[in-house]
Amino acid sequence: MTLTLEEEVEVTLGFDYKQLAEEVAQAAIDAEGFPYEAEVSLLLVSAKDIRQINKQQRQVDAPTDVLSFPLISYAFPGDFSKIEEDGDNFNPDTGEALLGDIVLCVDKVKEQAKSYGHSEKREYAFLILHSFLHLFGYDHMTEADSKIMEAKQNHILCQMGILR
């Protein structure tokens, strides 16, 4: 797996956020049984920057915690059976599946960790995992879909020992 991490903001988190991002990414890939080597980019930004991206991409003029930009379309969430049918799903140089991009707001990690009463590490891991599930085709637009995502998130974070 290749995780390209870029910072457009000073990151002052009290843990190795690069290593944790890789661990969460691998845990998501393993839990979903993703059958290919994968490539993902993670961009860490400020509230101001994510607000601009959110406005451009979703027409929502407000900061958010994380944005996911999947590059693969799935017939059903977590169904990887048709990925090879579209040759554009793979990096021609590495052969890795191009899952997509994640944009994460460091300001929101800090704010939400405090608000929810858990660690910044837990919030950071949760947001990356949440985005990975979006990159695998999951969503939370209905109550049923939301319950599926929540169960997957809780299970993976619990397996990693990252608790509230």
N, C-alpha and C. Protein backbone atom coordinates (compact mmCIF):
# COMPACT_ATOMS: atom_id res chain seq x y z
N MET A 1 0.84 -1.17 0.00
CA MET A 1 0.00 0.00 0.00
C MET A 1 0.89 1.24 0.00
N THR A 2 0.48 2.21 -0.80
CA THR A 2 1.17 3.49 -0.81
C THR A 2 0.21 4.56 -0.29
N LEU A 3 0.59 5.17 0.82
CA LEU A 3 -0.18 6.28 1.37
C LEU A 3 0.69 7.52 1.25
N THR A 4 0.27 8.44 0.41
CA THR A 4 1.00 9.69 0.23
C THR A 4 0.36 10.72 1.15
N LEU A 5 1.12 11.19 2.13
CA LEU A 5 0.61 12.15 3.10
C LEU A 5 1.28 13.50 2.87
N GLU A 6 0.45 14.53 2.73
CA GLU A 6 0.95 15.89 2.57
C GLU A 6 0.30 16.78 3.61
N GLU A 7 1.07 17.74 4.12
CA GLU A 7 0.55 18.69 5.09
C GLU A 7 0.53 20.09 4.48
N GLU A 8 -0.62 20.72 4.51
CA GLU A 8 -0.72 22.12 4.10
C GLU A 8 -0.96 23.01 5.32
N VAL A 9 -0.76 22.42 6.48
CA VAL A 9 -0.95 23.12 7.75
C VAL A 9 0.07 22.53 8.73
N GLU A 10 0.46 23.33 9.71
CA GLU A 10 1.34 22.79 10.74
C GLU A 10 0.55 21.78 11.56
N VAL A 11 1.11 20.59 11.71
CA VAL A 11 0.43 19.52 12.43
C VAL A 11 1.08 19.38 13.80
N THR A 12 0.29 19.66 14.85
CA THR A 12 0.79 19.58 16.22
C THR A 12 -0.04 18.57 17.00
N LEU A 13 0.00 17.35 16.56
CA LEU A 13 -0.70 16.28 17.24
C LEU A 13 0.31 15.52 18.09
N GLY A 14 -0.10 15.03 19.24
CA GLY A 14 0.82 14.41 20.18
C GLY A 14 1.09 12.93 19.93
N PHE A 15 1.09 12.53 18.67
CA PHE A 15 1.36 11.14 18.31
C PHE A 15 1.94 11.13 16.90
N ASP A 16 2.44 9.99 16.48
CA ASP A 16 3.02 9.86 15.14
C ASP A 16 1.87 9.72 14.14
N TYR A 17 1.40 10.84 13.66
CA TYR A 17 0.21 10.84 12.79
C TYR A 17 0.46 10.18 11.44
N LYS A 18 1.69 10.18 10.97
CA LYS A 18 2.00 9.50 9.70
C LYS A 18 1.88 7.99 9.87
N GLN A 19 2.47 7.48 10.92
CA GLN A 19 2.41 6.04 11.18
C GLN A 19 0.97 5.61 11.45
N LEU A 20 0.24 6.39 12.23
CA LEU A 20 -1.15 6.03 12.54
C LEU A 20 -2.00 6.01 11.27
N ALA A 21 -1.79 6.96 10.38
CA ALA A 21 -2.54 6.97 9.12
C ALA A 21 -2.29 5.69 8.34
N GLU A 22 -1.04 5.26 8.29
CA GLU A 22 -0.72 4.01 7.58
C GLU A 22 -1.34 2.80 8.26
N GLU A 23 -1.32 2.78 9.59
CA GLU A 23 -1.92 1.66 10.33
C GLU A 23 -3.43 1.59 10.12
N VAL A 24 -4.09 2.72 10.15
CA VAL A 24 -5.54 2.75 9.94
C VAL A 24 -5.86 2.33 8.51
N ALA A 25 -5.11 2.84 7.55
CA ALA A 25 -5.32 2.48 6.15
C ALA A 25 -5.19 0.98 5.97
N GLN A 26 -4.14 0.39 6.53
CA GLN A 26 -3.93 -1.05 6.38
C GLN A 26 -5.02 -1.84 7.10
N ALA A 27 -5.45 -1.37 8.25
CA ALA A 27 -6.53 -2.05 8.99
C ALA A 27 -7.82 -2.04 8.17
N ALA A 28 -8.11 -0.92 7.52
CA ALA A 28 -9.32 -0.82 6.69
C ALA A 28 -9.22 -1.78 5.50
N ILE A 29 -8.08 -1.78 4.85
CA ILE A 29 -7.85 -2.66 3.70
C ILE A 29 -8.00 -4.13 4.12
N ASP A 30 -7.39 -4.48 5.24
CA ASP A 30 -7.46 -5.87 5.73
C ASP A 30 -8.88 -6.25 6.13
N ALA A 31 -9.56 -5.36 6.86
CA ALA A 31 -10.91 -5.67 7.34
C ALA A 31 -11.89 -5.86 6.19
N GLU A 32 -11.72 -5.10 5.13
CA GLU A 32 -12.61 -5.20 3.98
C GLU A 32 -12.18 -6.29 3.00
N GLY A 33 -11.00 -6.83 3.21
CA GLY A 33 -10.51 -7.86 2.30
C GLY A 33 -10.23 -7.31 0.90
N PHE A 34 -9.74 -6.08 0.84
CA PHE A 34 -9.43 -5.48 -0.45
C PHE A 34 -8.31 -6.29 -1.09
N PRO A 35 -8.54 -6.86 -2.28
CA PRO A 35 -7.62 -7.86 -2.84
C PRO A 35 -6.43 -7.31 -3.64
N TYR A 36 -6.23 -6.02 -3.64
CA TYR A 36 -5.16 -5.43 -4.44
C TYR A 36 -4.28 -4.55 -3.57
N GLU A 37 -3.08 -4.31 -4.04
CA GLU A 37 -2.28 -3.27 -3.44
C GLU A 37 -2.98 -1.95 -3.77
N ALA A 38 -2.93 -0.99 -2.85
CA ALA A 38 -3.71 0.23 -3.03
C ALA A 38 -2.85 1.47 -2.91
N GLU A 39 -3.34 2.53 -3.54
CA GLU A 39 -2.70 3.84 -3.48
C GLU A 39 -3.75 4.85 -3.05
N VAL A 40 -3.40 5.66 -2.04
CA VAL A 40 -4.31 6.66 -1.49
C VAL A 40 -3.50 7.90 -1.15
N SER A 41 -4.11 9.07 -1.32
CA SER A 41 -3.45 10.29 -0.86
C SER A 41 -4.25 10.87 0.31
N LEU A 42 -3.52 11.40 1.28
CA LEU A 42 -4.09 12.02 2.46
C LEU A 42 -3.50 13.42 2.57
N LEU A 43 -4.37 14.41 2.56
CA LEU A 43 -3.96 15.80 2.65
C LEU A 43 -4.48 16.38 3.95
N LEU A 44 -3.59 16.91 4.77
CA LEU A 44 -3.95 17.54 6.05
C LEU A 44 -4.01 19.04 5.85
N VAL A 45 -5.16 19.62 6.21
CA VAL A 45 -5.40 21.03 5.94
C VAL A 45 -6.00 21.74 7.16
N SER A 46 -6.12 23.05 7.03
CA SER A 46 -6.75 23.90 8.06
C SER A 46 -8.26 23.97 7.82
N ALA A 47 -8.96 24.54 8.77
CA ALA A 47 -10.41 24.74 8.63
C ALA A 47 -10.71 25.65 7.44
N LYS A 48 -9.90 26.67 7.26
CA LYS A 48 -10.09 27.60 6.14
C LYS A 48 -9.97 26.86 4.80
N ASP A 49 -8.94 26.03 4.69
CA ASP A 49 -8.71 25.31 3.44
C ASP A 49 -9.81 24.30 3.14
N ILE A 50 -10.23 23.55 4.16
CA ILE A 50 -11.26 22.54 3.91
C ILE A 50 -12.60 23.20 3.60
N ARG A 51 -12.82 24.38 4.17
CA ARG A 51 -14.04 25.12 3.84
C ARG A 51 -14.06 25.46 2.35
N GLN A 52 -12.93 25.92 1.82
CA GLN A 52 -12.85 26.26 0.39
C GLN A 52 -13.07 25.02 -0.48
N ILE A 53 -12.45 23.91 -0.11
CA ILE A 53 -12.61 22.68 -0.88
C ILE A 53 -14.06 22.20 -0.81
N ASN A 54 -14.64 22.27 0.37
CA ASN A 54 -16.03 21.85 0.56
C ASN A 54 -16.98 22.70 -0.30
N LYS A 55 -16.69 24.00 -0.36
CA LYS A 55 -17.51 24.89 -1.17
C LYS A 55 -17.36 24.58 -2.66
N GLN A 56 -16.13 24.36 -3.10
CA GLN A 56 -15.87 24.05 -4.52
C GLN A 56 -16.48 22.72 -4.93
N GLN A 57 -16.28 21.70 -4.10
CA GLN A 57 -16.65 20.34 -4.50
C GLN A 57 -18.09 19.96 -4.16
N ARG A 58 -18.62 20.51 -3.06
CA ARG A 58 -19.95 20.09 -2.60
C ARG A 58 -20.94 21.24 -2.50
N GLN A 59 -20.50 22.46 -2.83
CA GLN A 59 -21.32 23.65 -2.73
C GLN A 59 -21.84 23.86 -1.31
N VAL A 60 -21.02 23.49 -0.33
CA VAL A 60 -21.33 23.71 1.08
C VAL A 60 -20.29 24.67 1.62
N ASP A 61 -20.73 25.87 1.98
CA ASP A 61 -19.81 26.92 2.43
C ASP A 61 -19.61 26.83 3.94
N ALA A 62 -18.94 25.77 4.36
CA ALA A 62 -18.66 25.56 5.78
C ALA A 62 -17.50 24.58 5.90
N PRO A 63 -16.72 24.73 6.96
CA PRO A 63 -15.67 23.74 7.18
C PRO A 63 -16.28 22.41 7.58
N THR A 64 -15.61 21.34 7.26
CA THR A 64 -16.03 20.01 7.66
C THR A 64 -14.81 19.27 8.19
N ASP A 65 -15.02 18.10 8.74
CA ASP A 65 -13.89 17.38 9.33
C ASP A 65 -13.07 16.62 8.31
N VAL A 66 -13.73 15.99 7.34
CA VAL A 66 -13.00 15.18 6.37
C VAL A 66 -13.82 15.08 5.09
N LEU A 67 -13.11 15.03 3.98
CA LEU A 67 -13.73 14.84 2.67
C LEU A 67 -13.07 13.64 2.00
N SER A 68 -13.88 12.86 1.33
CA SER A 68 -13.39 11.68 0.62
C SER A 68 -13.71 11.82 -0.86
N PHE A 69 -12.73 11.51 -1.68
CA PHE A 69 -12.90 11.58 -3.12
C PHE A 69 -12.52 10.22 -3.73
N PRO A 70 -13.49 9.29 -3.77
CA PRO A 70 -13.22 7.96 -4.32
C PRO A 70 -12.94 8.03 -5.82
N LEU A 71 -12.02 7.19 -6.26
CA LEU A 71 -11.70 7.12 -7.68
C LEU A 71 -12.27 5.86 -8.33
N ILE A 72 -12.81 4.96 -7.53
CA ILE A 72 -13.39 3.72 -8.04
C ILE A 72 -14.89 3.73 -7.75
N SER A 73 -15.67 3.31 -8.74
CA SER A 73 -17.11 3.16 -8.55
C SER A 73 -17.42 1.69 -8.29
N TYR A 74 -18.30 1.44 -7.35
CA TYR A 74 -18.66 0.08 -6.98
C TYR A 74 -20.15 -0.14 -7.23
N ALA A 75 -20.50 -1.33 -7.70
CA ALA A 75 -21.91 -1.67 -7.84
C ALA A 75 -22.56 -1.71 -6.46
N PHE A 76 -21.81 -2.25 -5.49
CA PHE A 76 -22.26 -2.34 -4.10
C PHE A 76 -21.07 -2.03 -3.21
N PRO A 77 -21.30 -1.40 -2.07
CA PRO A 77 -20.18 -1.10 -1.17
C PRO A 77 -19.39 -2.36 -0.82
N GLY A 78 -18.09 -2.23 -0.90
CA GLY A 78 -17.23 -3.34 -0.53
C GLY A 78 -17.19 -4.49 -1.52
N ASP A 79 -17.81 -4.31 -2.70
CA ASP A 79 -17.79 -5.34 -3.74
C ASP A 79 -16.67 -5.00 -4.72
N PHE A 80 -15.57 -5.72 -4.60
CA PHE A 80 -14.38 -5.43 -5.40
C PHE A 80 -14.26 -6.32 -6.64
N SER A 81 -15.32 -7.05 -6.97
CA SER A 81 -15.26 -8.05 -8.03
C SER A 81 -15.11 -7.48 -9.43
N LYS A 82 -15.49 -6.25 -9.65
CA LYS A 82 -15.48 -5.67 -11.00
C LYS A 82 -14.37 -4.63 -11.22
N ILE A 83 -13.50 -4.45 -10.25
CA ILE A 83 -12.48 -3.40 -10.33
C ILE A 83 -11.57 -3.58 -11.54
N GLU A 84 -11.22 -4.79 -11.84
CA GLU A 84 -10.28 -5.02 -12.94
C GLU A 84 -10.90 -4.74 -14.32
N GLU A 85 -12.22 -4.66 -14.40
CA GLU A 85 -12.88 -4.41 -15.68
C GLU A 85 -12.57 -3.02 -16.22
N ASP A 86 -12.25 -2.10 -15.32
CA ASP A 86 -11.90 -0.74 -15.73
C ASP A 86 -10.40 -0.55 -15.50
N GLY A 87 -9.64 -0.55 -16.56
CA GLY A 87 -8.19 -0.41 -16.46
C GLY A 87 -7.75 0.90 -15.84
N ASP A 88 -8.63 1.91 -15.83
CA ASP A 88 -8.29 3.20 -15.25
C ASP A 88 -8.24 3.17 -13.72
N ASN A 89 -8.64 2.04 -13.12
CA ASN A 89 -8.63 1.93 -11.66
C ASN A 89 -7.24 1.64 -11.09
N PHE A 90 -6.24 1.48 -11.95
CA PHE A 90 -4.91 1.09 -11.49
C PHE A 90 -3.85 2.05 -12.01
N ASN A 91 -2.86 2.30 -11.17
CA ASN A 91 -1.71 3.10 -11.56
C ASN A 91 -0.89 2.26 -12.54
N PRO A 92 -0.69 2.72 -13.77
CA PRO A 92 0.03 1.92 -14.75
C PRO A 92 1.50 1.68 -14.38
N ASP A 93 2.07 2.54 -13.56
CA ASP A 93 3.47 2.39 -13.17
C ASP A 93 3.66 1.39 -12.03
N THR A 94 2.72 1.37 -11.08
CA THR A 94 2.89 0.53 -9.90
C THR A 94 1.95 -0.67 -9.87
N GLY A 95 0.86 -0.60 -10.62
CA GLY A 95 -0.15 -1.65 -10.59
C GLY A 95 -1.09 -1.55 -9.40
N GLU A 96 -0.90 -0.53 -8.57
CA GLU A 96 -1.76 -0.36 -7.40
C GLU A 96 -3.12 0.21 -7.79
N ALA A 97 -4.15 -0.24 -7.09
CA ALA A 97 -5.49 0.30 -7.28
C ALA A 97 -5.53 1.72 -6.74
N LEU A 98 -6.09 2.63 -7.53
CA LEU A 98 -6.18 4.04 -7.15
C LEU A 98 -7.49 4.25 -6.39
N LEU A 99 -7.43 4.13 -5.06
CA LEU A 99 -8.65 4.24 -4.25
C LEU A 99 -9.20 5.65 -4.23
N GLY A 100 -8.34 6.65 -4.08
CA GLY A 100 -8.83 8.02 -4.07
C GLY A 100 -8.05 8.91 -3.13
N ASP A 101 -8.69 10.02 -2.78
CA ASP A 101 -8.05 11.06 -1.98
C ASP A 101 -8.88 11.34 -0.73
N ILE A 102 -8.17 11.65 0.34
CA ILE A 102 -8.79 12.04 1.61
C ILE A 102 -8.23 13.41 1.98
N VAL A 103 -9.11 14.33 2.35
CA VAL A 103 -8.70 15.65 2.84
C VAL A 103 -9.21 15.75 4.27
N LEU A 104 -8.29 15.92 5.21
CA LEU A 104 -8.64 15.90 6.63
C LEU A 104 -8.27 17.22 7.28
N CYS A 105 -9.18 17.76 8.05
CA CYS A 105 -8.98 19.05 8.72
C CYS A 105 -8.41 18.83 10.12
N VAL A 106 -7.17 19.24 10.32
CA VAL A 106 -6.50 19.07 11.61
C VAL A 106 -7.20 19.88 12.69
N ASP A 107 -7.68 21.07 12.36
CA ASP A 107 -8.42 21.90 13.33
C ASP A 107 -9.64 21.15 13.86
N LYS A 108 -10.35 20.47 12.97
CA LYS A 108 -11.54 19.72 13.36
C LYS A 108 -11.19 18.50 14.20
N VAL A 109 -10.05 17.88 13.93
CA VAL A 109 -9.61 16.74 14.76
C VAL A 109 -9.52 17.22 16.21
N LYS A 110 -8.85 18.33 16.42
CA LYS A 110 -8.67 18.86 17.77
C LYS A 110 -10.00 19.28 18.39
N GLU A 111 -10.80 20.01 17.62
CA GLU A 111 -12.08 20.50 18.11
C GLU A 111 -13.03 19.36 18.47
N GLN A 112 -13.15 18.38 17.61
CA GLN A 112 -14.09 17.28 17.83
C GLN A 112 -13.61 16.33 18.91
N ALA A 113 -12.32 16.12 19.03
CA ALA A 113 -11.80 15.28 20.11
C ALA A 113 -12.20 15.87 21.46
N LYS A 114 -12.02 17.17 21.58
CA LYS A 114 -12.39 17.85 22.82
C LYS A 114 -13.90 17.78 23.05
N SER A 115 -14.66 18.04 22.01
CA SER A 115 -16.12 18.04 22.10
C SER A 115 -16.68 16.66 22.47
N TYR A 116 -16.10 15.61 21.87
CA TYR A 116 -16.58 14.25 22.12
C TYR A 116 -15.95 13.61 23.35
N GLY A 117 -14.96 14.26 23.93
CA GLY A 117 -14.34 13.76 25.15
C GLY A 117 -13.43 12.56 24.94
N HIS A 118 -12.81 12.49 23.78
CA HIS A 118 -11.82 11.43 23.58
C HIS A 118 -10.54 12.04 23.01
N SER A 119 -9.56 11.20 22.77
CA SER A 119 -8.25 11.70 22.37
C SER A 119 -8.23 12.17 20.91
N GLU A 120 -7.26 13.02 20.63
CA GLU A 120 -7.05 13.46 19.24
C GLU A 120 -6.64 12.27 18.38
N LYS A 121 -5.91 11.34 18.96
CA LYS A 121 -5.51 10.13 18.23
C LYS A 121 -6.74 9.34 17.78
N ARG A 122 -7.70 9.19 18.68
CA ARG A 122 -8.91 8.45 18.35
C ARG A 122 -9.70 9.18 17.25
N GLU A 123 -9.82 10.48 17.35
CA GLU A 123 -10.57 11.25 16.36
C GLU A 123 -9.90 11.18 14.99
N TYR A 124 -8.60 11.34 14.97
CA TYR A 124 -7.82 11.28 13.73
C TYR A 124 -7.99 9.90 13.07
N ALA A 125 -7.83 8.85 13.86
CA ALA A 125 -7.98 7.48 13.33
C ALA A 125 -9.40 7.26 12.82
N PHE A 126 -10.38 7.71 13.58
CA PHE A 126 -11.78 7.55 13.17
C PHE A 126 -12.05 8.23 11.83
N LEU A 127 -11.59 9.46 11.67
CA LEU A 127 -11.87 10.20 10.44
C LEU A 127 -11.19 9.56 9.22
N ILE A 128 -9.98 9.07 9.40
CA ILE A 128 -9.31 8.39 8.29
C ILE A 128 -10.05 7.11 7.94
N LEU A 129 -10.41 6.35 8.96
CA LEU A 129 -11.15 5.10 8.72
C LEU A 129 -12.49 5.38 8.05
N HIS A 130 -13.19 6.38 8.53
CA HIS A 130 -14.47 6.78 7.94
C HIS A 130 -14.31 7.06 6.45
N SER A 131 -13.26 7.80 6.12
CA SER A 131 -13.00 8.14 4.72
C SER A 131 -12.64 6.91 3.91
N PHE A 132 -11.87 6.01 4.49
CA PHE A 132 -11.53 4.78 3.76
C PHE A 132 -12.78 4.00 3.41
N LEU A 133 -13.73 3.94 4.32
CA LEU A 133 -14.97 3.24 4.01
C LEU A 133 -15.71 3.92 2.86
N HIS A 134 -15.65 5.24 2.79
CA HIS A 134 -16.21 5.94 1.63
C HIS A 134 -15.45 5.55 0.35
N LEU A 135 -14.13 5.42 0.45
CA LEU A 135 -13.34 5.02 -0.73
C LEU A 135 -13.68 3.61 -1.18
N PHE A 136 -14.25 2.80 -0.29
CA PHE A 136 -14.69 1.45 -0.62
C PHE A 136 -16.17 1.41 -1.02
N GLY A 137 -16.80 2.58 -1.16
CA GLY A 137 -18.16 2.64 -1.65
C GLY A 137 -19.25 2.74 -0.59
N TYR A 138 -18.88 2.76 0.67
CA TYR A 138 -19.88 2.87 1.74
C TYR A 138 -20.32 4.32 1.89
N ASP A 139 -21.54 4.49 2.39
CA ASP A 139 -22.07 5.82 2.63
C ASP A 139 -22.99 5.77 3.84
N HIS A 140 -23.48 6.92 4.24
CA HIS A 140 -24.36 6.98 5.41
C HIS A 140 -25.56 7.89 5.13
N MET A 141 -26.07 7.77 3.91
CA MET A 141 -27.20 8.61 3.51
C MET A 141 -28.54 8.09 4.06
N THR A 142 -28.61 6.80 4.36
CA THR A 142 -29.81 6.25 4.99
C THR A 142 -29.44 5.72 6.37
N GLU A 143 -30.42 5.51 7.20
CA GLU A 143 -30.17 4.99 8.54
C GLU A 143 -29.53 3.60 8.48
N ALA A 144 -29.99 2.77 7.56
CA ALA A 144 -29.44 1.42 7.42
C ALA A 144 -27.97 1.48 7.00
N ASP A 145 -27.66 2.33 6.02
CA ASP A 145 -26.27 2.47 5.57
C ASP A 145 -25.39 3.04 6.68
N SER A 146 -25.94 3.97 7.43
CA SER A 146 -25.20 4.58 8.53
C SER A 146 -24.85 3.52 9.59
N LYS A 147 -25.79 2.65 9.90
CA LYS A 147 -25.54 1.59 10.88
C LYS A 147 -24.44 0.64 10.41
N ILE A 148 -24.41 0.34 9.12
CA ILE A 148 -23.36 -0.53 8.57
C ILE A 148 -21.99 0.13 8.74
N MET A 149 -21.91 1.41 8.36
CA MET A 149 -20.63 2.13 8.50
C MET A 149 -20.19 2.21 9.96
N GLU A 150 -21.13 2.55 10.84
CA GLU A 150 -20.79 2.67 12.26
C GLU A 150 -20.27 1.35 12.82
N ALA A 151 -20.92 0.26 12.45
CA ALA A 151 -20.49 -1.06 12.95
C ALA A 151 -19.09 -1.38 12.45
N LYS A 152 -18.82 -1.11 11.18
CA LYS A 152 -17.50 -1.37 10.62
C LYS A 152 -16.44 -0.50 11.30
N GLN A 153 -16.75 0.78 11.48
CA GLN A 153 -15.80 1.70 12.12
C GLN A 153 -15.49 1.23 13.55
N ASN A 154 -16.54 0.91 14.31
CA ASN A 154 -16.34 0.49 15.70
C ASN A 154 -15.54 -0.80 15.78
N HIS A 155 -15.84 -1.74 14.90
CA HIS A 155 -15.14 -3.03 14.90
C HIS A 155 -13.65 -2.84 14.61
N ILE A 156 -13.33 -2.08 13.59
CA ILE A 156 -11.92 -1.90 13.19
C ILE A 156 -11.16 -1.12 14.26
N LEU A 157 -11.74 -0.04 14.76
CA LEU A 157 -11.05 0.73 15.80
C LEU A 157 -10.86 -0.10 17.07
N CYS A 158 -11.83 -0.92 17.39
CA CYS A 158 -11.72 -1.79 18.56
C CYS A 158 -10.59 -2.80 18.36
N GLN A 159 -10.52 -3.39 17.17
CA GLN A 159 -9.43 -4.32 16.86
C GLN A 159 -8.07 -3.65 16.98
N MET A 160 -8.01 -2.37 16.66
CA MET A 160 -6.75 -1.63 16.73
C MET A 160 -6.46 -1.15 18.15
N GLY A 161 -7.42 -1.30 19.06
CA GLY A 161 -7.24 -0.83 20.42
C GLY A 161 -7.38 0.67 20.55
N ILE A 162 -8.09 1.28 19.62
CA ILE A 162 -8.30 2.73 19.65
C ILE A 162 -9.74 2.97 20.09
N LEU A 163 -9.91 3.24 21.36
CA LEU A 163 -11.23 3.34 21.97
C LEU A 163 -11.55 4.77 22.37
N ARG A 164 -12.79 5.00 22.64
CA ARG A 164 -13.22 6.34 23.09
C ARG A 164 -12.74 6.62 24.49
